[in-house]
Amino acid sequence: SLETAIRATCDKTRLLDIVENFTLFIEDPGGMAKIVAKYHQHLGVNNAIRAVEQLGENRGRLGVYWHTQGAGKSYSMLFFAQKVMRTLPGNWTFVIVTDRVDLDDQIYKNFQRASVVTEENVQAASAVHLRQLLSEDHRYVFTLIHKFRTERGEPHPVLSTRDDIIVMTDEAHRTQYDVLAQNMRDALPNAAFIGFTGTPLMAGEEKTREVFGDYIS
């Protein structure tokens, strides 16, 4: 197993990829920590990159990134976003959507601690603030899906018609198939969507695959 790991890691192309795109420096209470991707993050993120390269064919459904809790999904999101910006042309914006306050805070702080988010006030504080952020040009926007709500069931206004917005949803399950999810798609009609989850919705038809596309990892 050691020989397998060394042969795989030290392939020249892969080693350069790991150094450039899969190494993070995180501010920890005890000082700076270096984090290198595990094999499932390297393989999964590169599959997601290939999905972005095929946006025209998959019509913005980038796939389902199905990894268990504790597998480092928020770091995988970070690796993915950074590699897209480094290697694919475009003025990319990433919208990170969750359905729990603690998860929203955790992901936002991870991006901050890695010095990836350098702007102030890109974590939506309200539905009004979210609309403002998505109407502007930001590299990252963090929000709860509940902030795509409307008053009295009114249709959600279009906020951006850009086709270089990628929506990353963490825990891509039940909140991704109802009114709030439709509002999000109405707000960003040309955006691409990728679902990160440890619990895809399997009941009946596989809703998670239906919405986001096939499993990429």
Protein backbone atom coordinates (compact mmCIF):
# COMPACT_ATOMS: atom_id res chain seq x y z
CA SER A 1 0.00 0.00 0.00
CA LEU A 2 2.90 2.39 0.68
CA GLU A 3 4.36 1.73 -2.78
CA THR A 4 0.92 2.34 -4.32
CA ALA A 5 0.56 5.65 -2.47
CA ILE A 6 4.04 6.83 -3.45
CA ARG A 7 3.69 5.81 -7.10
CA ALA A 8 0.29 7.52 -7.33
CA THR A 9 1.20 10.71 -5.49
CA CYS A 10 4.57 11.19 -7.14
CA ASP A 11 3.37 10.95 -10.71
CA LYS A 12 4.72 14.28 -11.98
CA THR A 13 1.43 15.71 -13.26
CA ARG A 14 -0.49 14.64 -10.16
CA LEU A 15 2.15 15.90 -7.74
CA LEU A 16 2.14 19.35 -9.36
CA ASP A 17 -1.68 19.36 -9.22
CA ILE A 18 -1.61 18.52 -5.50
CA VAL A 19 0.94 21.26 -4.75
CA GLU A 20 -0.84 23.93 -6.80
CA ASN A 21 -4.52 23.14 -6.27
CA PHE A 22 -4.92 20.82 -3.29
CA THR A 23 -2.87 22.40 -0.50
CA LEU A 24 -4.43 24.88 1.93
CA PHE A 25 -2.97 27.01 4.69
CA ILE A 26 -5.50 27.54 7.47
CA GLU A 27 -5.32 29.95 10.40
CA ASP A 28 -5.80 27.82 13.55
CA PRO A 29 -5.80 28.97 17.18
CA GLY A 30 -2.44 27.23 17.57
CA GLY A 31 -0.95 28.83 14.46
CA MET A 32 -0.85 28.12 10.74
CA ALA A 33 -1.85 24.62 9.60
CA LYS A 34 -1.15 23.07 6.22
CA ILE A 35 -3.90 20.81 4.84
CA VAL A 36 -3.35 18.54 1.86
CA ALA A 37 -6.32 16.89 0.15
CA LYS A 38 -7.08 13.24 0.78
CA TYR A 39 -7.40 10.97 -2.23
CA HIS A 40 -11.21 11.15 -2.33
CA GLN A 41 -11.06 14.97 -2.39
CA HIS A 42 -8.49 15.01 -5.20
CA LEU A 43 -10.47 12.57 -7.33
CA GLY A 44 -13.87 14.11 -6.60
CA VAL A 45 -12.85 17.72 -7.18
CA ASN A 46 -11.17 16.86 -10.49
CA ASN A 47 -14.37 15.11 -11.60
CA ALA A 48 -16.25 18.30 -10.70
CA ILE A 49 -13.77 20.38 -12.71
CA ARG A 50 -14.44 18.19 -15.75
CA ALA A 51 -18.18 18.79 -15.26
CA VAL A 52 -17.58 22.56 -15.37
CA GLU A 53 -15.61 22.10 -18.60
CA GLN A 54 -18.72 20.44 -20.07
CA LEU A 55 -21.26 23.08 -19.01
CA GLY A 56 -22.88 23.16 -22.44
CA GLU A 57 -23.50 19.42 -22.46
CA ASN A 58 -24.79 19.03 -18.90
CA ARG A 59 -26.86 22.24 -19.01
CA GLY A 60 -25.55 23.48 -15.69
CA ARG A 61 -26.17 20.26 -13.76
CA LEU A 62 -22.65 19.65 -12.48
CA GLY A 63 -23.51 16.55 -10.47
CA VAL A 64 -23.77 15.15 -6.96
CA TYR A 65 -20.68 15.03 -4.73
CA TRP A 66 -21.77 12.29 -2.30
CA HIS A 67 -19.31 12.06 0.62
CA THR A 68 -20.09 11.08 4.19
CA GLN A 69 -20.13 13.51 7.09
CA GLY A 70 -16.60 14.19 8.30
CA ALA A 71 -15.10 13.60 4.83
CA GLY A 72 -14.10 17.26 4.52
CA LYS A 73 -16.82 18.51 2.15
CA SER A 74 -16.25 22.17 3.02
CA TYR A 75 -12.55 21.81 2.16
CA SER A 76 -13.54 20.02 -1.06
CA MET A 77 -15.70 23.07 -1.91
CA LEU A 78 -12.69 25.27 -1.28
CA PHE A 79 -10.37 23.15 -3.43
CA PHE A 80 -13.00 23.08 -6.19
CA ALA A 81 -13.65 26.84 -6.27
CA GLN A 82 -9.97 27.71 -6.19
CA LYS A 83 -9.07 25.30 -8.97
CA VAL A 84 -11.90 26.59 -11.18
CA MET A 85 -10.58 30.13 -10.77
CA ARG A 86 -6.96 29.10 -11.39
CA THR A 87 -7.51 26.87 -14.41
CA LEU A 88 -10.74 27.85 -16.22
CA PRO A 89 -11.24 31.24 -17.90
CA GLY A 90 -14.15 33.35 -16.67
CA ASN A 91 -15.24 35.89 -14.07
CA TRP A 92 -16.53 33.20 -11.73
CA THR A 93 -18.82 33.77 -8.76
CA PHE A 94 -19.52 31.00 -6.25
CA VAL A 95 -22.74 31.00 -4.21
CA ILE A 96 -22.48 28.64 -1.24
CA VAL A 97 -25.94 27.61 -0.01
CA THR A 98 -26.80 25.65 3.15
CA ASP A 99 -29.94 25.03 5.18
CA ARG A 100 -28.60 25.48 8.73
CA VAL A 101 -27.15 28.52 10.46
CA ASP A 102 -24.30 26.58 12.09
CA LEU A 103 -23.32 25.03 8.74
CA ASP A 104 -23.42 28.42 7.01
CA ASP A 105 -21.14 29.88 9.69
CA GLN A 106 -18.76 26.89 9.60
CA ILE A 107 -18.22 27.02 5.84
CA TYR A 108 -17.88 30.80 5.80
CA LYS A 109 -15.27 30.68 8.57
CA ASN A 110 -13.33 27.91 6.80
CA PHE A 111 -13.12 30.03 3.65
CA GLN A 112 -12.06 33.02 5.76
CA ARG A 113 -9.41 31.08 7.70
CA ALA A 114 -7.90 29.92 4.42
CA SER A 115 -7.67 33.58 3.30
CA VAL A 116 -9.83 32.77 0.28
CA VAL A 117 -12.59 35.24 1.20
CA THR A 118 -11.07 38.69 1.37
CA GLU A 119 -14.23 40.80 0.97
CA GLU A 120 -16.33 42.03 3.88
CA ASN A 121 -20.06 41.34 4.31
CA VAL A 122 -20.53 38.55 1.74
CA GLN A 123 -22.47 36.35 4.15
CA ALA A 124 -26.12 37.26 3.53
CA ALA A 125 -27.74 38.63 6.68
CA SER A 126 -31.26 38.79 5.22
CA ALA A 127 -33.24 38.19 2.04
CA VAL A 128 -32.77 41.85 1.11
CA HIS A 129 -29.01 41.65 1.68
CA LEU A 130 -28.83 38.46 -0.43
CA ARG A 131 -30.58 40.17 -3.34
CA GLN A 132 -28.11 43.02 -3.13
CA LEU A 133 -25.10 40.66 -3.10
CA LEU A 134 -26.32 38.63 -6.07
CA SER A 135 -27.03 41.78 -8.07
CA GLU A 136 -23.42 42.87 -7.58
CA ASP A 137 -20.12 41.28 -8.62
CA HIS A 138 -18.62 39.23 -5.77
CA ARG A 139 -16.27 36.26 -5.89
CA TYR A 140 -18.10 34.45 -3.07
CA VAL A 141 -21.56 34.76 -1.55
CA PHE A 142 -22.70 32.66 1.43
CA THR A 143 -26.37 32.22 2.28
CA LEU A 144 -29.08 30.07 3.79
CA ILE A 145 -31.55 28.87 1.18
CA HIS A 146 -34.35 30.36 3.30
CA LYS A 147 -33.21 33.83 2.24
CA PHE A 148 -34.58 33.14 -1.23
CA ARG A 149 -38.07 33.52 0.24
CA THR A 150 -40.66 35.93 -1.16
CA GLU A 151 -43.62 37.64 0.45
CA ARG A 152 -47.05 36.03 0.01
CA GLY A 153 -45.81 33.55 -2.57
CA GLU A 154 -44.80 36.17 -5.13
CA PRO A 155 -42.41 35.07 -7.90
CA HIS A 156 -38.77 35.71 -7.13
CA PRO A 157 -37.17 38.43 -9.28
CA VAL A 158 -34.24 37.62 -11.56
CA LEU A 159 -31.08 38.88 -9.84
CA SER A 160 -28.42 37.92 -12.39
CA THR A 161 -28.44 36.40 -15.87
CA ARG A 162 -24.70 35.65 -15.80
CA ASP A 163 -23.66 32.15 -16.89
CA ASP A 164 -20.45 32.12 -14.85
CA ILE A 165 -22.14 31.65 -11.46
CA ILE A 166 -21.73 28.28 -9.76
CA VAL A 167 -24.07 27.43 -6.88
CA MET A 168 -22.60 24.94 -4.40
CA THR A 169 -25.17 23.50 -2.01
CA ASP A 170 -24.04 21.68 1.10
CA GLU A 171 -26.43 19.00 2.36
CA ALA A 172 -28.25 19.00 -0.99
CA HIS A 173 -31.43 17.26 0.06
CA ARG A 174 -34.97 18.26 1.03
CA THR A 175 -34.72 22.05 0.81
CA GLN A 176 -33.49 21.70 -2.77
CA TYR A 177 -36.77 20.46 -4.24
CA ASP A 178 -39.42 22.95 -3.13
CA VAL A 179 -40.43 26.60 -3.50
CA LEU A 180 -37.17 28.02 -2.09
CA ALA A 181 -35.11 25.97 -4.55
CA GLN A 182 -37.28 27.16 -7.44
CA ASN A 183 -36.89 30.75 -6.24
CA MET A 184 -33.11 30.28 -6.27
CA ARG A 185 -33.21 29.05 -9.85
CA ASP A 186 -35.56 31.87 -10.87
CA ALA A 187 -33.12 34.36 -9.33
CA LEU A 188 -30.12 32.86 -11.18
CA PRO A 189 -31.56 31.34 -14.38
CA ASN A 190 -28.20 30.70 -16.08
CA ALA A 191 -26.24 29.50 -13.05
CA ALA A 192 -24.72 26.01 -12.75
CA PHE A 193 -25.48 23.84 -9.70
CA ILE A 194 -23.46 21.21 -7.84
CA GLY A 195 -24.74 19.34 -4.79
CA PHE A 196 -22.49 18.30 -1.90
CA THR A 197 -24.20 15.84 0.43
CA GLY A 198 -23.79 12.93 2.77
CA THR A 199 -27.49 12.09 2.56
CA PRO A 200 -28.95 12.22 -0.97
CA LEU A 201 -32.74 11.86 -1.10
CA MET A 202 -33.39 8.34 -2.38
CA ALA A 203 -37.17 7.97 -1.86
CA GLY A 204 -39.07 7.17 -5.05
CA GLU A 205 -37.10 8.59 -7.92
CA GLU A 206 -33.63 9.74 -6.90
CA LYS A 207 -34.48 13.41 -6.48
CA THR A 208 -30.91 14.54 -5.78
CA ARG A 209 -29.62 13.12 -9.07
CA GLU A 210 -32.68 14.46 -10.86
CA VAL A 211 -31.95 18.03 -9.75
CA PHE A 212 -28.13 18.15 -9.80
CA GLY A 213 -27.13 15.47 -12.29
CA ASP A 214 -25.34 12.15 -11.87
CA TYR A 215 -22.93 11.23 -9.10
CA ILE A 216 -19.45 12.60 -9.79
CA SER A 217 -17.84 11.16 -6.67
